[in-house]
Amino acid sequence: MQGEAERIEVAEALYAITLGAAYTLHMDDEVGSIETGKWADFAVLEEDPTDVPPDALKDVPVWGTVTAGRTYAAVDQ
């Protein structure tokens, strides 16, 4: 399979797009994980990405987002 040797595990990918990205931007004290004192901005998925086959991750629906403590449901397109 093309690119198989370049794949990373789901847990590694989730870290890379959350706390890893925040660390790279020197913002890990403000964002990147859900902790007291940090911005609570995150997406709510309809399925647990750790329970989905890797090839199906791109198809996991987004239920909505939470931004600045407010919940926003995703709009069907």
N, C-alpha and C. Protein backbone atom coordinates (compact mmCIF):
# COMPACT_ATOMS: atom_id res chain seq x y z
N MET A 1 0.85 -1.17 0.00
CA MET A 1 0.00 0.00 0.00
C MET A 1 0.89 1.24 0.00
N GLN A 2 0.58 2.18 -0.84
CA GLN A 2 1.38 3.39 -0.97
C GLN A 2 1.35 4.22 0.31
N GLY A 3 2.54 4.60 0.79
CA GLY A 3 2.64 5.46 1.95
C GLY A 3 2.48 4.77 3.29
N GLU A 4 2.31 3.46 3.30
CA GLU A 4 2.07 2.74 4.55
C GLU A 4 3.21 2.96 5.56
N ALA A 5 4.43 3.01 5.07
CA ALA A 5 5.58 3.20 5.96
C ALA A 5 5.60 4.60 6.58
N GLU A 6 4.83 5.51 6.04
CA GLU A 6 4.81 6.89 6.54
C GLU A 6 3.65 7.16 7.48
N ARG A 7 2.85 6.16 7.76
CA ARG A 7 1.71 6.34 8.65
C ARG A 7 2.14 6.47 10.10
N ILE A 8 1.34 7.19 10.87
CA ILE A 8 1.53 7.25 12.32
C ILE A 8 0.26 6.71 12.97
N GLU A 9 0.37 6.32 14.21
CA GLU A 9 -0.78 5.80 14.95
C GLU A 9 -1.78 6.92 15.22
N VAL A 10 -3.04 6.55 15.44
CA VAL A 10 -4.10 7.53 15.70
C VAL A 10 -3.75 8.38 16.93
N ALA A 11 -3.27 7.76 17.98
CA ALA A 11 -2.91 8.51 19.19
C ALA A 11 -1.83 9.55 18.89
N GLU A 12 -0.86 9.18 18.05
CA GLU A 12 0.19 10.12 17.66
C GLU A 12 -0.39 11.27 16.84
N ALA A 13 -1.32 10.97 15.97
CA ALA A 13 -1.94 12.02 15.15
C ALA A 13 -2.76 12.98 16.01
N LEU A 14 -3.51 12.44 16.96
CA LEU A 14 -4.30 13.29 17.85
C LEU A 14 -3.40 14.21 18.68
N TYR A 15 -2.28 13.68 19.15
CA TYR A 15 -1.33 14.50 19.89
C TYR A 15 -0.77 15.60 18.97
N ALA A 16 -0.43 15.21 17.75
CA ALA A 16 0.18 16.16 16.81
C ALA A 16 -0.72 17.35 16.52
N ILE A 17 -2.04 17.12 16.46
CA ILE A 17 -2.96 18.22 16.12
C ILE A 17 -3.51 18.94 17.35
N THR A 18 -3.13 18.49 18.54
CA THR A 18 -3.62 19.15 19.76
C THR A 18 -2.43 19.72 20.54
N LEU A 19 -1.96 19.00 21.52
CA LEU A 19 -0.89 19.50 22.37
C LEU A 19 0.43 19.66 21.63
N GLY A 20 0.70 18.80 20.66
CA GLY A 20 1.93 18.93 19.87
C GLY A 20 1.95 20.23 19.09
N ALA A 21 0.84 20.57 18.46
CA ALA A 21 0.75 21.82 17.71
C ALA A 21 0.86 23.02 18.65
N ALA A 22 0.20 22.93 19.79
CA ALA A 22 0.26 24.03 20.76
C ALA A 22 1.70 24.24 21.25
N TYR A 23 2.41 23.15 21.49
CA TYR A 23 3.80 23.24 21.93
C TYR A 23 4.66 23.91 20.86
N THR A 24 4.45 23.51 19.60
CA THR A 24 5.21 24.09 18.49
C THR A 24 4.99 25.59 18.41
N LEU A 25 3.78 26.03 18.70
CA LEU A 25 3.45 27.46 18.66
C LEU A 25 3.76 28.18 19.97
N HIS A 26 4.34 27.47 20.94
CA HIS A 26 4.64 28.03 22.26
C HIS A 26 3.36 28.53 22.94
N MET A 27 2.27 27.79 22.73
CA MET A 27 0.98 28.16 23.32
C MET A 27 0.44 27.02 24.19
N ASP A 28 1.28 26.04 24.54
CA ASP A 28 0.79 24.88 25.27
C ASP A 28 0.32 25.22 26.69
N ASP A 29 0.61 26.44 27.16
CA ASP A 29 0.07 26.87 28.45
C ASP A 29 -1.34 27.44 28.30
N GLU A 30 -1.78 27.65 27.04
CA GLU A 30 -3.10 28.24 26.78
C GLU A 30 -4.06 27.29 26.08
N VAL A 31 -3.55 26.46 25.18
CA VAL A 31 -4.40 25.59 24.35
C VAL A 31 -3.74 24.22 24.19
N GLY A 32 -4.44 23.31 23.55
CA GLY A 32 -3.86 22.02 23.19
C GLY A 32 -4.36 20.86 24.03
N SER A 33 -4.90 21.13 25.20
CA SER A 33 -5.48 20.09 26.05
C SER A 33 -6.58 20.75 26.89
N ILE A 34 -7.44 19.91 27.42
CA ILE A 34 -8.55 20.43 28.22
C ILE A 34 -8.12 20.42 29.68
N GLU A 35 -7.77 21.60 30.17
CA GLU A 35 -7.31 21.75 31.55
C GLU A 35 -7.81 23.09 32.10
N THR A 36 -7.91 23.17 33.41
CA THR A 36 -8.30 24.41 34.06
C THR A 36 -7.34 25.53 33.66
N GLY A 37 -7.91 26.66 33.25
CA GLY A 37 -7.11 27.81 32.88
C GLY A 37 -6.77 27.91 31.41
N LYS A 38 -7.10 26.87 30.63
CA LYS A 38 -6.83 26.91 29.19
C LYS A 38 -8.12 27.21 28.44
N TRP A 39 -7.96 27.70 27.20
CA TRP A 39 -9.12 27.93 26.34
C TRP A 39 -9.81 26.60 26.09
N ALA A 40 -11.12 26.57 26.21
CA ALA A 40 -11.88 25.33 26.00
C ALA A 40 -12.49 25.33 24.61
N ASP A 41 -11.65 25.34 23.60
CA ASP A 41 -12.11 25.29 22.21
C ASP A 41 -11.75 23.91 21.65
N PHE A 42 -12.79 23.16 21.24
CA PHE A 42 -12.52 21.83 20.72
C PHE A 42 -13.68 21.35 19.85
N ALA A 43 -13.41 20.34 19.06
CA ALA A 43 -14.43 19.72 18.22
C ALA A 43 -15.01 18.52 18.94
N VAL A 44 -16.29 18.26 18.70
CA VAL A 44 -16.97 17.09 19.25
C VAL A 44 -17.28 16.17 18.08
N LEU A 45 -16.68 14.98 18.09
CA LEU A 45 -16.87 14.02 17.01
C LEU A 45 -18.00 13.06 17.35
N GLU A 46 -18.63 12.52 16.33
CA GLU A 46 -19.73 11.58 16.55
C GLU A 46 -19.24 10.16 16.82
N GLU A 47 -17.96 9.91 16.58
CA GLU A 47 -17.38 8.61 16.86
C GLU A 47 -16.02 8.81 17.53
N ASP A 48 -15.61 7.84 18.31
CA ASP A 48 -14.30 7.87 18.95
C ASP A 48 -13.25 7.54 17.90
N PRO A 49 -12.35 8.47 17.59
CA PRO A 49 -11.36 8.21 16.54
C PRO A 49 -10.42 7.06 16.86
N THR A 50 -10.33 6.68 18.14
CA THR A 50 -9.47 5.54 18.49
C THR A 50 -10.18 4.21 18.26
N ASP A 51 -11.49 4.24 17.98
CA ASP A 51 -12.25 3.02 17.72
C ASP A 51 -12.57 2.83 16.24
N VAL A 52 -12.14 3.75 15.40
CA VAL A 52 -12.46 3.73 13.97
C VAL A 52 -11.25 3.21 13.21
N PRO A 53 -11.46 2.36 12.21
CA PRO A 53 -10.32 1.93 11.39
C PRO A 53 -9.63 3.15 10.77
N PRO A 54 -8.31 3.14 10.69
CA PRO A 54 -7.57 4.30 10.18
C PRO A 54 -8.08 4.81 8.83
N ASP A 55 -8.48 3.91 7.94
CA ASP A 55 -8.96 4.34 6.63
C ASP A 55 -10.30 5.07 6.70
N ALA A 56 -11.01 4.94 7.82
CA ALA A 56 -12.33 5.57 7.96
C ALA A 56 -12.28 6.88 8.76
N LEU A 57 -11.12 7.25 9.25
CA LEU A 57 -11.01 8.48 10.06
C LEU A 57 -11.53 9.71 9.33
N LYS A 58 -11.26 9.79 8.04
CA LYS A 58 -11.68 10.97 7.27
C LYS A 58 -13.19 11.07 7.19
N ASP A 59 -13.91 10.00 7.49
CA ASP A 59 -15.36 9.98 7.39
C ASP A 59 -16.07 10.17 8.73
N VAL A 60 -15.33 10.35 9.80
CA VAL A 60 -15.95 10.55 11.12
C VAL A 60 -16.65 11.90 11.12
N PRO A 61 -17.96 11.90 11.35
CA PRO A 61 -18.70 13.17 11.34
C PRO A 61 -18.36 14.04 12.55
N VAL A 62 -18.38 15.34 12.34
CA VAL A 62 -18.19 16.30 13.42
C VAL A 62 -19.57 16.69 13.93
N TRP A 63 -19.84 16.46 15.21
CA TRP A 63 -21.13 16.84 15.78
C TRP A 63 -21.20 18.35 15.91
N GLY A 64 -20.10 18.95 16.34
CA GLY A 64 -20.08 20.40 16.51
C GLY A 64 -18.78 20.83 17.15
N THR A 65 -18.77 22.03 17.67
CA THR A 65 -17.60 22.58 18.33
C THR A 65 -18.00 23.29 19.61
N VAL A 66 -17.02 23.46 20.47
CA VAL A 66 -17.19 24.28 21.66
C VAL A 66 -16.13 25.37 21.55
N THR A 67 -16.55 26.61 21.56
CA THR A 67 -15.65 27.74 21.45
C THR A 67 -16.03 28.77 22.52
N ALA A 68 -15.06 29.16 23.29
CA ALA A 68 -15.27 30.14 24.37
C ALA A 68 -16.44 29.74 25.27
N GLY A 69 -16.56 28.43 25.52
CA GLY A 69 -17.59 27.92 26.41
C GLY A 69 -18.97 27.80 25.78
N ARG A 70 -19.12 28.13 24.52
CA ARG A 70 -20.42 28.02 23.84
C ARG A 70 -20.39 26.83 22.89
N THR A 71 -21.48 26.12 22.82
CA THR A 71 -21.59 24.93 21.97
C THR A 71 -22.27 25.28 20.66
N TYR A 72 -21.69 24.81 19.57
CA TYR A 72 -22.24 25.05 18.24
C TYR A 72 -22.37 23.72 17.50
N ALA A 73 -23.58 23.37 17.15
CA ALA A 73 -23.79 22.16 16.37
C ALA A 73 -23.32 22.37 14.93
N ALA A 74 -22.76 21.33 14.36
CA ALA A 74 -22.33 21.41 12.95
C ALA A 74 -23.55 21.56 12.07
N VAL A 75 -23.39 22.26 10.99
CA VAL A 75 -24.48 22.48 10.04
C VAL A 75 -24.32 21.48 8.91
N ASP A 76 -25.40 20.76 8.58
CA ASP A 76 -25.35 19.84 7.44
C ASP A 76 -25.10 20.62 6.18
N GLN A 77 -24.22 20.08 5.35
CA GLN A 77 -23.90 20.77 4.10
C GLN A 77 -24.50 20.07 2.93
